[in-house]
Structure formats: structure tokens, C-alpha cells
Amino acid sequence: MDYERSLNMPLGGVTKALADATLDNTSRRYTPEDMGGNSELFTSILPRRPIIINAGFDHDGIFDIIPQFVGILTEKPQVSRRGGQAKLKAADFNDFLQNRFLDQNEMYTGERTDQIIEHILTDLGFATAQYDLEYGINVVPFAMFDKGSRYSDIIDRLVKAENGHFYQDEIGILRFENRQHWDSSPYTEVQQTLYNS
């Protein structure tokens, strides 16, 4: 198993995460019925369905699950009969923001970056438990967004002006971090000392 996570620091803006998972399909569990497999499970793995990827570790009888990714499937599984594999592709919820557009002109005056982002997320139906926004440093005196603008482009422009970062973490929470995020505890303190002995 390989996994990698990277954030676009210090440039800021919106970061979208993608996931690729390769599943063992020698039992044909993920193969449709017309190809000689279990169609019941295959029909539930469809585009726009949620997916959670965790890394599980069993050490000394203790089982730990470390969250890696939460998102939605972007296409049907690619099933290889010869290779015995099923491949899944997914994107995080920033993909949802990338595919939604303003249906009318929006105007904001005298609001902080986090307040405008919160308006956008609540208008799209996100609950307050689904996002965590740091206090915005920039106060936007006037912002006008045209009908047809992508929500992800709007958030990207706001966050880049702040030199901040907007992303979804590995448990599915949308996060906004201002430009001072990395200048405070615990990032400025030694966390662990490793001795070469």
C-alpha cells in the first residue's frame, strides 16, 4: 500500500485531493453479473457515491484505523478479468464545489474571508459540522461575483488573497487556514526528540 498527502504551501488557494484504489477482485466480488460476478455489489459502486479509505494496522493485538480519504466516486470501477483487480477513482468534496455555479450575482461588503466562505458553504447545504474555518485576516471591503462563476474559483481567489489554504482533511472536514496558521503552536515547537542511540 502506498499513499501520499501534500499541501500547496505556502502558495495557498484551494487544494483538491484525488484517490485511486486498487482492490483484489480474484473472487469477482466487484465484477458485474454479465461478466460472471456479483452484480449486487457492483451496482452499488456508482459515480457520485461516497467513499472512505482508511489504513488499518494490527500491532500487538491492537487494531488502529488511520483515516486517509473521504470523498465521492468519480466513475464506475474499472474491472480487469485477467488481472483480478477492480480500480476505483474518487475526488474529495472540493470536486463538488468545482462543479457548482452561482445562479445569480452575489455581492459582499465589509466581510472577512472566512465569513464569505461560510456563506457559500451554507448556501450549498453544508452543515457547520462539515467545515472548520479559521478567523480570516483580510476584510474584503467589496466583492462582486458574477452569475455562472464556479464556487471553487470564488473560494480560491478569496483564499489566495489571504495567502491562506482551503482543503478537505482526511476525515472529510473542509478547512480554511489563514496565513498565520503555521506561525503558531504546535508548528513552532519541538514535538519529539529522536535520539540516534
N, C-alpha and C. Protein backbone atom coordinates (compact mmCIF):
# COMPACT_ATOMS: atom_id res chain seq x y z
N MET A 1 0.84 -1.18 0.00
CA MET A 1 0.00 0.00 0.00
C MET A 1 0.88 1.24 0.00
N ASP A 2 0.55 2.20 -0.83
CA ASP A 2 1.23 3.49 -0.86
C ASP A 2 0.19 4.58 -0.75
N TYR A 3 0.51 5.61 0.02
CA TYR A 3 -0.33 6.79 -0.01
C TYR A 3 0.54 8.01 0.26
N GLU A 4 0.10 9.12 -0.27
CA GLU A 4 0.88 10.36 -0.15
C GLU A 4 -0.08 11.52 0.00
N ARG A 5 0.29 12.47 0.86
CA ARG A 5 -0.53 13.67 1.04
C ARG A 5 0.39 14.87 0.98
N SER A 6 -0.03 15.87 0.22
CA SER A 6 0.78 17.09 0.15
C SER A 6 -0.14 18.29 0.10
N LEU A 7 0.31 19.37 0.71
CA LEU A 7 -0.45 20.62 0.71
C LEU A 7 0.32 21.66 -0.07
N ASN A 8 -0.37 22.53 -0.75
CA ASN A 8 0.25 23.53 -1.61
C ASN A 8 0.67 24.75 -0.77
N MET A 9 1.66 24.54 0.10
CA MET A 9 2.12 25.62 0.96
C MET A 9 3.44 26.13 0.43
N PRO A 10 3.77 27.39 0.52
CA PRO A 10 2.97 28.47 1.12
C PRO A 10 2.14 29.23 0.09
N LEU A 11 1.94 28.70 -1.10
CA LEU A 11 1.25 29.44 -2.16
C LEU A 11 -0.22 29.67 -1.86
N GLY A 12 -0.83 28.76 -1.15
CA GLY A 12 -2.23 28.93 -0.76
C GLY A 12 -3.20 28.58 -1.86
N GLY A 13 -4.47 28.87 -1.60
CA GLY A 13 -5.53 28.57 -2.54
C GLY A 13 -6.26 27.30 -2.15
N VAL A 14 -7.00 26.76 -3.12
CA VAL A 14 -7.80 25.56 -2.90
C VAL A 14 -7.00 24.35 -3.35
N THR A 15 -6.96 23.34 -2.50
CA THR A 15 -6.30 22.08 -2.84
C THR A 15 -7.35 20.99 -2.94
N LYS A 16 -7.35 20.27 -4.06
CA LYS A 16 -8.29 19.17 -4.27
C LYS A 16 -7.54 17.86 -4.18
N ALA A 17 -8.09 16.90 -3.43
CA ALA A 17 -7.45 15.60 -3.28
C ALA A 17 -8.14 14.58 -4.19
N LEU A 18 -7.34 13.70 -4.76
CA LEU A 18 -7.84 12.61 -5.60
C LEU A 18 -7.39 11.30 -4.98
N ALA A 19 -8.16 10.25 -5.21
CA ALA A 19 -7.80 8.94 -4.67
C ALA A 19 -7.95 7.88 -5.75
N ASP A 20 -7.01 6.98 -5.78
CA ASP A 20 -7.07 5.79 -6.63
C ASP A 20 -6.92 4.58 -5.72
N ALA A 21 -7.84 3.63 -5.83
CA ALA A 21 -7.76 2.41 -5.02
C ALA A 21 -7.82 1.21 -5.94
N THR A 22 -6.93 0.27 -5.72
CA THR A 22 -6.93 -0.98 -6.48
C THR A 22 -7.32 -2.09 -5.53
N LEU A 23 -8.43 -2.78 -5.82
CA LEU A 23 -8.95 -3.82 -4.96
C LEU A 23 -8.68 -5.20 -5.56
N ASP A 24 -8.44 -6.17 -4.69
CA ASP A 24 -8.27 -7.56 -5.12
C ASP A 24 -9.65 -8.08 -5.56
N ASN A 25 -9.73 -8.51 -6.79
CA ASN A 25 -11.01 -8.97 -7.34
C ASN A 25 -10.91 -10.39 -7.88
N THR A 26 -10.00 -11.18 -7.32
CA THR A 26 -9.87 -12.56 -7.79
C THR A 26 -11.13 -13.37 -7.50
N SER A 27 -11.91 -12.98 -6.47
CA SER A 27 -13.17 -13.66 -6.17
C SER A 27 -14.32 -13.15 -7.04
N ARG A 28 -14.05 -12.15 -7.88
CA ARG A 28 -15.05 -11.49 -8.75
C ARG A 28 -16.15 -10.80 -7.95
N ARG A 29 -15.82 -10.39 -6.76
CA ARG A 29 -16.77 -9.69 -5.90
C ARG A 29 -17.21 -8.36 -6.51
N TYR A 30 -16.31 -7.70 -7.24
CA TYR A 30 -16.61 -6.39 -7.83
C TYR A 30 -16.91 -6.49 -9.32
N THR A 31 -17.18 -7.69 -9.81
CA THR A 31 -17.44 -7.91 -11.23
C THR A 31 -18.95 -7.97 -11.47
N PRO A 32 -19.46 -7.29 -12.51
CA PRO A 32 -20.90 -7.36 -12.80
C PRO A 32 -21.33 -8.77 -13.19
N GLU A 33 -22.61 -9.03 -13.01
CA GLU A 33 -23.15 -10.37 -13.24
C GLU A 33 -22.96 -10.83 -14.69
N ASP A 34 -23.10 -9.90 -15.65
CA ASP A 34 -22.96 -10.30 -17.05
C ASP A 34 -21.52 -10.69 -17.40
N MET A 35 -20.59 -10.41 -16.48
CA MET A 35 -19.20 -10.84 -16.68
C MET A 35 -18.86 -12.01 -15.74
N GLY A 36 -19.90 -12.59 -15.09
CA GLY A 36 -19.68 -13.74 -14.23
C GLY A 36 -19.38 -13.41 -12.78
N GLY A 37 -19.85 -12.25 -12.32
CA GLY A 37 -19.54 -11.86 -10.95
C GLY A 37 -20.77 -11.54 -10.14
N ASN A 38 -20.58 -10.83 -9.03
CA ASN A 38 -21.64 -10.46 -8.11
C ASN A 38 -22.17 -9.08 -8.49
N SER A 39 -23.27 -9.02 -9.21
CA SER A 39 -23.79 -7.75 -9.70
C SER A 39 -24.34 -6.89 -8.58
N GLU A 40 -24.79 -7.53 -7.48
CA GLU A 40 -25.39 -6.77 -6.38
C GLU A 40 -24.42 -5.74 -5.82
N LEU A 41 -23.19 -6.15 -5.55
CA LEU A 41 -22.19 -5.23 -5.01
C LEU A 41 -21.74 -4.24 -6.08
N PHE A 42 -21.57 -4.71 -7.30
CA PHE A 42 -21.10 -3.85 -8.38
C PHE A 42 -22.06 -2.70 -8.63
N THR A 43 -23.37 -2.96 -8.54
CA THR A 43 -24.35 -1.91 -8.83
C THR A 43 -24.39 -0.85 -7.74
N SER A 44 -23.82 -1.10 -6.58
CA SER A 44 -23.82 -0.08 -5.52
C SER A 44 -22.58 0.80 -5.59
N ILE A 45 -21.59 0.42 -6.39
CA ILE A 45 -20.38 1.23 -6.54
C ILE A 45 -20.54 2.06 -7.81
N LEU A 46 -21.19 3.21 -7.66
CA LEU A 46 -21.52 4.05 -8.81
C LEU A 46 -20.92 5.45 -8.63
N PRO A 47 -20.78 6.19 -9.73
CA PRO A 47 -20.31 7.58 -9.61
C PRO A 47 -21.21 8.39 -8.69
N ARG A 48 -20.61 9.35 -7.98
CA ARG A 48 -21.27 10.25 -7.03
C ARG A 48 -21.66 9.56 -5.72
N ARG A 49 -21.21 8.33 -5.51
CA ARG A 49 -21.45 7.66 -4.23
C ARG A 49 -20.27 7.94 -3.30
N PRO A 50 -20.53 8.02 -1.98
CA PRO A 50 -19.44 8.32 -1.04
C PRO A 50 -18.47 7.15 -0.90
N ILE A 51 -17.22 7.51 -0.59
CA ILE A 51 -16.19 6.51 -0.36
C ILE A 51 -15.30 6.99 0.80
N ILE A 52 -14.92 6.06 1.65
CA ILE A 52 -14.00 6.33 2.76
C ILE A 52 -12.85 5.34 2.64
N ILE A 53 -11.62 5.86 2.69
CA ILE A 53 -10.44 5.00 2.64
C ILE A 53 -9.68 5.18 3.95
N ASN A 54 -9.47 4.07 4.65
CA ASN A 54 -8.71 4.06 5.90
C ASN A 54 -7.53 3.12 5.77
N ALA A 55 -6.47 3.39 6.51
CA ALA A 55 -5.35 2.46 6.61
C ALA A 55 -5.48 1.75 7.95
N GLY A 56 -5.53 0.44 7.92
CA GLY A 56 -5.69 -0.34 9.15
C GLY A 56 -4.40 -1.05 9.53
N PHE A 57 -4.08 -1.02 10.81
CA PHE A 57 -2.87 -1.65 11.31
C PHE A 57 -3.21 -2.47 12.55
N ASP A 58 -2.70 -3.68 12.59
CA ASP A 58 -2.86 -4.56 13.75
C ASP A 58 -1.47 -4.78 14.34
N HIS A 59 -1.22 -4.22 15.49
CA HIS A 59 0.08 -4.40 16.13
C HIS A 59 -0.13 -4.79 17.59
N ASP A 60 0.45 -5.92 17.95
CA ASP A 60 0.33 -6.48 19.31
C ASP A 60 -1.13 -6.61 19.75
N GLY A 61 -1.99 -7.01 18.85
CA GLY A 61 -3.39 -7.23 19.17
C GLY A 61 -4.23 -5.97 19.24
N ILE A 62 -3.63 -4.83 18.95
CA ILE A 62 -4.37 -3.56 18.96
C ILE A 62 -4.59 -3.15 17.50
N PHE A 63 -5.86 -2.94 17.16
CA PHE A 63 -6.19 -2.59 15.78
C PHE A 63 -6.42 -1.09 15.70
N ASP A 64 -5.63 -0.40 14.88
CA ASP A 64 -5.76 1.04 14.69
C ASP A 64 -6.22 1.33 13.27
N ILE A 65 -7.12 2.27 13.15
CA ILE A 65 -7.57 2.74 11.84
C ILE A 65 -7.15 4.20 11.70
N ILE A 66 -6.42 4.50 10.65
CA ILE A 66 -5.97 5.86 10.39
C ILE A 66 -6.70 6.36 9.14
N PRO A 67 -7.57 7.37 9.29
CA PRO A 67 -8.29 7.90 8.13
C PRO A 67 -7.32 8.47 7.10
N GLN A 68 -7.62 8.21 5.82
CA GLN A 68 -6.78 8.70 4.73
C GLN A 68 -7.53 9.60 3.75
N PHE A 69 -8.81 9.27 3.51
CA PHE A 69 -9.53 9.98 2.44
C PHE A 69 -11.04 9.80 2.63
N VAL A 70 -11.78 10.87 2.38
CA VAL A 70 -13.24 10.83 2.30
C VAL A 70 -13.62 11.61 1.05
N GLY A 71 -14.50 11.05 0.24
CA GLY A 71 -14.89 11.75 -0.97
C GLY A 71 -16.01 11.04 -1.68
N ILE A 72 -16.07 11.24 -3.00
CA ILE A 72 -17.10 10.63 -3.82
C ILE A 72 -16.45 9.98 -5.04
N LEU A 73 -17.03 8.86 -5.47
CA LEU A 73 -16.52 8.17 -6.65
C LEU A 73 -16.78 9.03 -7.88
N THR A 74 -15.83 9.04 -8.79
CA THR A 74 -15.97 9.87 -9.99
C THR A 74 -16.37 9.06 -11.22
N GLU A 75 -16.23 7.74 -11.16
CA GLU A 75 -16.60 6.90 -12.30
C GLU A 75 -16.87 5.48 -11.83
N LYS A 76 -17.41 4.65 -12.71
CA LYS A 76 -17.63 3.24 -12.37
C LYS A 76 -16.29 2.53 -12.21
N PRO A 77 -16.25 1.46 -11.40
CA PRO A 77 -14.99 0.72 -11.25
C PRO A 77 -14.52 0.14 -12.58
N GLN A 78 -13.22 0.18 -12.78
CA GLN A 78 -12.63 -0.46 -13.96
C GLN A 78 -12.23 -1.87 -13.54
N VAL A 79 -12.93 -2.85 -14.08
CA VAL A 79 -12.73 -4.25 -13.68
C VAL A 79 -11.86 -4.96 -14.71
N SER A 80 -10.80 -5.60 -14.21
CA SER A 80 -9.91 -6.37 -15.07
C SER A 80 -10.11 -7.85 -14.77
N ARG A 81 -10.67 -8.58 -15.73
CA ARG A 81 -10.89 -10.02 -15.51
C ARG A 81 -9.58 -10.77 -15.48
N ARG A 82 -8.67 -10.39 -16.36
CA ARG A 82 -7.40 -11.10 -16.45
C ARG A 82 -6.50 -10.81 -15.25
N GLY A 83 -6.48 -9.53 -14.81
CA GLY A 83 -5.60 -9.15 -13.70
C GLY A 83 -6.19 -9.38 -12.33
N GLY A 84 -7.50 -9.66 -12.25
CA GLY A 84 -8.13 -9.90 -10.97
C GLY A 84 -8.17 -8.66 -10.08
N GLN A 85 -8.39 -7.50 -10.71
CA GLN A 85 -8.40 -6.25 -9.95
C GLN A 85 -9.61 -5.41 -10.33
N ALA A 86 -10.01 -4.56 -9.37
CA ALA A 86 -11.02 -3.54 -9.62
C ALA A 86 -10.41 -2.22 -9.17
N LYS A 87 -10.44 -1.23 -10.05
CA LYS A 87 -9.82 0.06 -9.76
C LYS A 87 -10.90 1.12 -9.58
N LEU A 88 -10.78 1.87 -8.48
CA LEU A 88 -11.73 2.93 -8.16
C LEU A 88 -11.02 4.28 -8.24
N LYS A 89 -11.75 5.29 -8.70
CA LYS A 89 -11.24 6.66 -8.74
C LYS A 89 -12.23 7.54 -7.99
N ALA A 90 -11.68 8.46 -7.15
CA ALA A 90 -12.54 9.32 -6.35
C ALA A 90 -11.91 10.70 -6.21
N ALA A 91 -12.74 11.66 -5.83
CA ALA A 91 -12.28 13.03 -5.56
C ALA A 91 -12.94 13.50 -4.27
N ASP A 92 -12.29 14.45 -3.59
CA ASP A 92 -12.87 14.94 -2.34
C ASP A 92 -13.99 15.94 -2.63
N PHE A 93 -14.55 16.54 -1.58
CA PHE A 93 -15.72 17.40 -1.74
C PHE A 93 -15.40 18.73 -2.41
N ASN A 94 -14.12 19.07 -2.56
CA ASN A 94 -13.79 20.26 -3.35
C ASN A 94 -14.16 20.04 -4.82
N ASP A 95 -14.23 18.79 -5.24
CA ASP A 95 -14.70 18.48 -6.59
C ASP A 95 -16.17 18.90 -6.74
N PHE A 96 -16.93 18.72 -5.67
CA PHE A 96 -18.34 19.16 -5.66
C PHE A 96 -18.41 20.68 -5.87
N LEU A 97 -17.53 21.43 -5.17
CA LEU A 97 -17.52 22.88 -5.32
C LEU A 97 -17.09 23.30 -6.72
N GLN A 98 -16.24 22.49 -7.34
CA GLN A 98 -15.74 22.80 -8.68
C GLN A 98 -16.83 22.63 -9.74
N ASN A 99 -17.83 21.85 -9.42
CA ASN A 99 -18.89 21.58 -10.40
C ASN A 99 -20.21 22.25 -10.06
N ARG A 100 -20.17 23.28 -9.20
CA ARG A 100 -21.36 24.06 -8.87
C ARG A 100 -21.12 25.51 -9.23
N PHE A 101 -22.15 26.16 -9.76
CA PHE A 101 -22.02 27.52 -10.26
C PHE A 101 -23.05 28.43 -9.61
N LEU A 102 -22.69 29.71 -9.47
CA LEU A 102 -23.63 30.70 -8.95
C LEU A 102 -24.82 30.82 -9.89
N ASP A 103 -26.02 30.84 -9.34
CA ASP A 103 -27.20 31.01 -10.19
C ASP A 103 -27.68 32.45 -10.24
N GLN A 104 -27.00 33.34 -9.50
CA GLN A 104 -27.29 34.77 -9.56
C GLN A 104 -26.05 35.54 -9.11
N ASN A 105 -25.99 36.82 -9.38
CA ASN A 105 -24.88 37.65 -8.92
C ASN A 105 -24.88 37.71 -7.40
N GLU A 106 -23.69 37.67 -6.81
CA GLU A 106 -23.56 37.76 -5.34
C GLU A 106 -22.65 38.93 -5.01
N MET A 107 -23.01 39.67 -3.95
CA MET A 107 -22.22 40.82 -3.54
C MET A 107 -22.00 40.75 -2.03
N TYR A 108 -20.77 41.04 -1.61
CA TYR A 108 -20.42 41.08 -0.20
C TYR A 108 -19.69 42.38 0.10
N THR A 109 -19.98 42.98 1.24
CA THR A 109 -19.27 44.21 1.64
C THR A 109 -18.86 44.09 3.10
N GLY A 110 -17.59 44.44 3.36
CA GLY A 110 -17.07 44.51 4.73
C GLY A 110 -17.08 43.19 5.48
N GLU A 111 -16.83 42.07 4.79
CA GLU A 111 -16.81 40.78 5.47
C GLU A 111 -15.44 40.15 5.36
N ARG A 112 -15.10 39.35 6.38
CA ARG A 112 -13.82 38.63 6.37
C ARG A 112 -13.89 37.45 5.41
N THR A 113 -12.73 36.96 5.04
CA THR A 113 -12.64 35.82 4.13
C THR A 113 -13.45 34.64 4.64
N ASP A 114 -13.28 34.30 5.93
CA ASP A 114 -13.98 33.13 6.48
C ASP A 114 -15.49 33.33 6.47
N GLN A 115 -15.97 34.56 6.65
CA GLN A 115 -17.41 34.81 6.64
C GLN A 115 -18.00 34.59 5.25
N ILE A 116 -17.29 35.03 4.22
CA ILE A 116 -17.79 34.83 2.85
C ILE A 116 -17.78 33.34 2.51
N ILE A 117 -16.71 32.64 2.89
CA ILE A 117 -16.66 31.19 2.63
C ILE A 117 -17.79 30.48 3.36
N GLU A 118 -18.06 30.90 4.59
CA GLU A 118 -19.16 30.28 5.35
C GLU A 118 -20.50 30.52 4.66
N HIS A 119 -20.74 31.72 4.14
CA HIS A 119 -21.98 32.00 3.39
C HIS A 119 -22.11 31.03 2.22
N ILE A 120 -21.00 30.86 1.48
CA ILE A 120 -21.01 29.98 0.31
C ILE A 120 -21.34 28.55 0.71
N LEU A 121 -20.67 28.04 1.74
CA LEU A 121 -20.87 26.65 2.16
C LEU A 121 -22.28 26.41 2.69
N THR A 122 -22.80 27.34 3.48
CA THR A 122 -24.16 27.15 3.99
C THR A 122 -25.20 27.26 2.87
N ASP A 123 -24.95 28.14 1.89
CA ASP A 123 -25.87 28.23 0.74
C ASP A 123 -25.90 26.92 -0.05
N LEU A 124 -24.77 26.21 -0.06
CA LEU A 124 -24.71 24.93 -0.79
C LEU A 124 -25.22 23.76 0.05
N GLY A 125 -25.59 24.01 1.30
CA GLY A 125 -26.18 22.95 2.12
C GLY A 125 -25.21 22.24 3.06
N PHE A 126 -23.99 22.76 3.19
CA PHE A 126 -23.05 22.15 4.14
C PHE A 126 -23.45 22.53 5.56
N ALA A 127 -23.41 21.56 6.47
CA ALA A 127 -23.69 21.81 7.88
C ALA A 127 -22.43 22.35 8.55
N THR A 128 -22.59 23.04 9.66
CA THR A 128 -21.44 23.63 10.35
C THR A 128 -20.46 22.56 10.84
N ALA A 129 -20.92 21.34 11.04
CA ALA A 129 -20.02 20.25 11.45
C ALA A 129 -19.15 19.77 10.30
N GLN A 130 -19.45 20.18 9.07
CA GLN A 130 -18.71 19.73 7.90
C GLN A 130 -17.57 20.65 7.51
N TYR A 131 -17.40 21.77 8.21
CA TYR A 131 -16.29 22.67 7.89
C TYR A 131 -15.75 23.32 9.16
N ASP A 132 -14.49 23.73 9.08
CA ASP A 132 -13.81 24.41 10.17
C ASP A 132 -13.00 25.55 9.55
N LEU A 133 -13.41 26.78 9.82
CA LEU A 133 -12.80 27.94 9.18
C LEU A 133 -12.08 28.79 10.24
N GLU A 134 -10.79 29.01 10.01
CA GLU A 134 -10.07 29.91 10.89
C GLU A 134 -10.52 31.35 10.64
N TYR A 135 -10.28 32.18 11.62
CA TYR A 135 -10.63 33.59 11.54
C TYR A 135 -9.86 34.23 10.40
N GLY A 136 -10.56 34.83 9.44
CA GLY A 136 -9.89 35.47 8.31
C GLY A 136 -9.21 36.76 8.72
N ILE A 137 -8.02 36.97 8.20
CA ILE A 137 -7.26 38.18 8.49
C ILE A 137 -7.72 39.31 7.57
N ASN A 138 -8.00 38.98 6.32
CA ASN A 138 -8.45 40.00 5.36
C ASN A 138 -9.92 40.36 5.59
N VAL A 139 -10.20 41.63 5.56
CA VAL A 139 -11.58 42.11 5.49
C VAL A 139 -11.79 42.59 4.06
N VAL A 140 -12.73 41.98 3.37
CA VAL A 140 -12.98 42.30 1.97
C VAL A 140 -13.94 43.48 1.93
N PRO A 141 -13.47 44.67 1.50
CA PRO A 141 -14.37 45.83 1.50
C PRO A 141 -15.54 45.68 0.53
N PHE A 142 -15.27 45.07 -0.65
CA PHE A 142 -16.33 44.90 -1.63
C PHE A 142 -15.97 43.73 -2.54
N ALA A 143 -16.90 42.82 -2.73
CA ALA A 143 -16.68 41.69 -3.65
C ALA A 143 -17.96 41.44 -4.43
N MET A 144 -17.81 41.31 -5.73
CA MET A 144 -18.94 41.03 -6.62
C MET A 144 -18.59 39.80 -7.45
N PHE A 145 -19.43 38.77 -7.36
CA PHE A 145 -19.20 37.54 -8.11
C PHE A 145 -20.35 37.36 -9.10
N ASP A 146 -19.98 37.14 -10.35
CA ASP A 146 -20.97 37.08 -11.42
C ASP A 146 -21.68 35.74 -11.47
N LYS A 147 -22.91 35.79 -11.92
CA LYS A 147 -23.69 34.58 -12.16
C LYS A 147 -22.90 33.67 -13.10
N GLY A 148 -22.89 32.37 -12.80
CA GLY A 148 -22.16 31.41 -13.61
C GLY A 148 -20.74 31.15 -13.12
N SER A 149 -20.26 31.89 -12.12
CA SER A 149 -18.92 31.65 -11.57
C SER A 149 -18.90 30.34 -10.79
N ARG A 150 -17.80 29.64 -10.87
CA ARG A 150 -17.65 28.41 -10.09
C ARG A 150 -17.42 28.76 -8.62
N TYR A 151 -18.03 28.00 -7.73
CA TYR A 151 -17.81 28.22 -6.30
C TYR A 151 -16.35 27.99 -5.93
N SER A 152 -15.72 26.98 -6.53
CA SER A 152 -14.32 26.70 -6.20
C SER A 152 -13.40 27.85 -6.64
N ASP A 153 -13.70 28.49 -7.78
CA ASP A 153 -12.89 29.63 -8.24
C ASP A 153 -13.04 30.83 -7.30
N ILE A 154 -14.26 31.04 -6.81
CA ILE A 154 -14.50 32.15 -5.87
C ILE A 154 -13.71 31.93 -4.59
N ILE A 155 -13.82 30.72 -4.04
CA ILE A 155 -13.09 30.42 -2.80
C ILE A 155 -11.59 30.50 -3.02
N ASP A 156 -11.12 30.02 -4.17
CA ASP A 156 -9.70 30.05 -4.48
C ASP A 156 -9.18 31.49 -4.50
N ARG A 157 -9.91 32.39 -5.13
CA ARG A 157 -9.49 33.81 -5.20
C ARG A 157 -9.46 34.44 -3.82
N LEU A 158 -10.49 34.16 -3.01
CA LEU A 158 -10.54 34.71 -1.66
C LEU A 158 -9.38 34.22 -0.81
N VAL A 159 -9.12 32.91 -0.89
CA VAL A 159 -8.08 32.30 -0.05
C VAL A 159 -6.69 32.72 -0.50
N LYS A 160 -6.47 32.84 -1.82
CA LYS A 160 -5.16 33.29 -2.30
C LYS A 160 -4.89 34.74 -1.90
N ALA A 161 -5.93 35.58 -1.90
CA ALA A 161 -5.75 36.97 -1.45
C ALA A 161 -5.35 37.00 0.02
N GLU A 162 -5.79 36.01 0.77
CA GLU A 162 -5.47 35.88 2.19
C GLU A 162 -4.11 35.20 2.38
N ASN A 163 -3.59 34.60 1.30
CA ASN A 163 -2.40 33.73 1.36
C ASN A 163 -2.66 32.59 2.34
N GLY A 164 -3.89 32.13 2.32
CA GLY A 164 -4.30 31.04 3.18
C GLY A 164 -4.44 29.75 2.39
N HIS A 165 -5.16 28.79 2.98
CA HIS A 165 -5.29 27.48 2.36
C HIS A 165 -6.67 26.92 2.66
N PHE A 166 -7.33 26.37 1.64
CA PHE A 166 -8.64 25.73 1.79
C PHE A 166 -8.52 24.32 1.24
N TYR A 167 -8.85 23.34 2.06
CA TYR A 167 -8.73 21.94 1.64
C TYR A 167 -9.67 21.09 2.47
N GLN A 168 -9.80 19.83 2.09
CA GLN A 168 -10.56 18.87 2.88
C GLN A 168 -9.57 17.93 3.54
N ASP A 169 -9.71 17.74 4.84
CA ASP A 169 -8.78 16.84 5.53
C ASP A 169 -9.18 15.38 5.33
N GLU A 170 -8.41 14.48 5.92
CA GLU A 170 -8.61 13.05 5.68
C GLU A 170 -9.85 12.47 6.34
N ILE A 171 -10.54 13.24 7.18
CA ILE A 171 -11.80 12.75 7.75
C ILE A 171 -13.01 13.42 7.12
N GLY A 172 -12.78 14.28 6.12
CA GLY A 172 -13.87 14.85 5.35
C GLY A 172 -14.30 16.25 5.77
N ILE A 173 -13.53 16.91 6.64
CA ILE A 173 -13.87 18.26 7.08
C ILE A 173 -13.20 19.27 6.15
N LEU A 174 -13.99 20.22 5.62
CA LEU A 174 -13.43 21.30 4.80
C LEU A 174 -12.79 22.32 5.74
N ARG A 175 -11.53 22.68 5.47
CA ARG A 175 -10.79 23.56 6.37
C ARG A 175 -10.25 24.77 5.64
N PHE A 176 -10.36 25.92 6.30
CA PHE A 176 -9.70 27.14 5.85
C PHE A 176 -8.67 27.52 6.91
N GLU A 177 -7.43 27.72 6.46
CA GLU A 177 -6.35 28.13 7.36
C GLU A 177 -5.82 29.47 6.86
N ASN A 178 -5.73 30.45 7.75
CA ASN A 178 -5.21 31.75 7.34
C ASN A 178 -3.70 31.71 7.23
N ARG A 179 -3.11 32.80 6.80
CA ARG A 179 -1.67 32.81 6.52
C ARG A 179 -0.81 32.70 7.77
N GLN A 180 -1.39 32.87 8.95
CA GLN A 180 -0.63 32.75 10.18
C GLN A 180 -0.73 31.38 10.81
N HIS A 181 -1.40 30.47 10.14
CA HIS A 181 -1.65 29.14 10.71
C HIS A 181 -0.35 28.43 11.11
N TRP A 182 0.65 28.49 10.26
CA TRP A 182 1.89 27.76 10.50
C TRP A 182 2.85 28.52 11.42
N ASP A 183 2.48 29.74 11.83
CA ASP A 183 3.34 30.55 12.69
C ASP A 183 2.97 30.44 14.16
N SER A 184 2.12 29.49 14.52
CA SER A 184 1.68 29.38 15.90
C SER A 184 1.85 27.93 16.38
N SER A 185 1.64 27.72 17.67
CA SER A 185 1.74 26.39 18.26
C SER A 185 0.70 25.48 17.63
N PRO A 186 0.98 24.24 17.39
CA PRO A 186 2.18 23.47 17.77
C PRO A 186 3.28 23.47 16.72
N TYR A 187 3.09 24.22 15.61
CA TYR A 187 4.03 24.15 14.49
C TYR A 187 5.36 24.84 14.78
N THR A 188 5.40 25.69 15.77
CA THR A 188 6.63 26.40 16.09
C THR A 188 7.37 25.77 17.27
N GLU A 189 6.90 24.61 17.73
CA GLU A 189 7.51 23.96 18.89
C GLU A 189 8.02 22.59 18.52
N VAL A 190 9.05 22.15 19.23
CA VAL A 190 9.58 20.80 19.05
C VAL A 190 8.52 19.82 19.56
N GLN A 191 8.19 18.84 18.76
CA GLN A 191 7.18 17.86 19.13
C GLN A 191 7.79 16.59 19.73
N GLN A 192 8.93 16.20 19.20
CA GLN A 192 9.56 14.96 19.65
C GLN A 192 11.04 15.03 19.38
N THR A 193 11.84 14.55 20.30
CA THR A 193 13.27 14.46 20.09
C THR A 193 13.63 13.01 19.85
N LEU A 194 14.25 12.75 18.70
CA LEU A 194 14.66 11.38 18.36
C LEU A 194 16.16 11.25 18.59
N TYR A 195 16.53 10.31 19.44
CA TYR A 195 17.95 10.10 19.76
C TYR A 195 18.51 9.01 18.86
N ASN A 196 19.70 9.24 18.33
CA ASN A 196 20.26 8.26 17.40
C ASN A 196 20.69 6.97 18.08
N SER A 197 20.72 6.93 19.40
CA SER A 197 21.04 5.68 20.11
C SER A 197 19.81 4.77 20.17
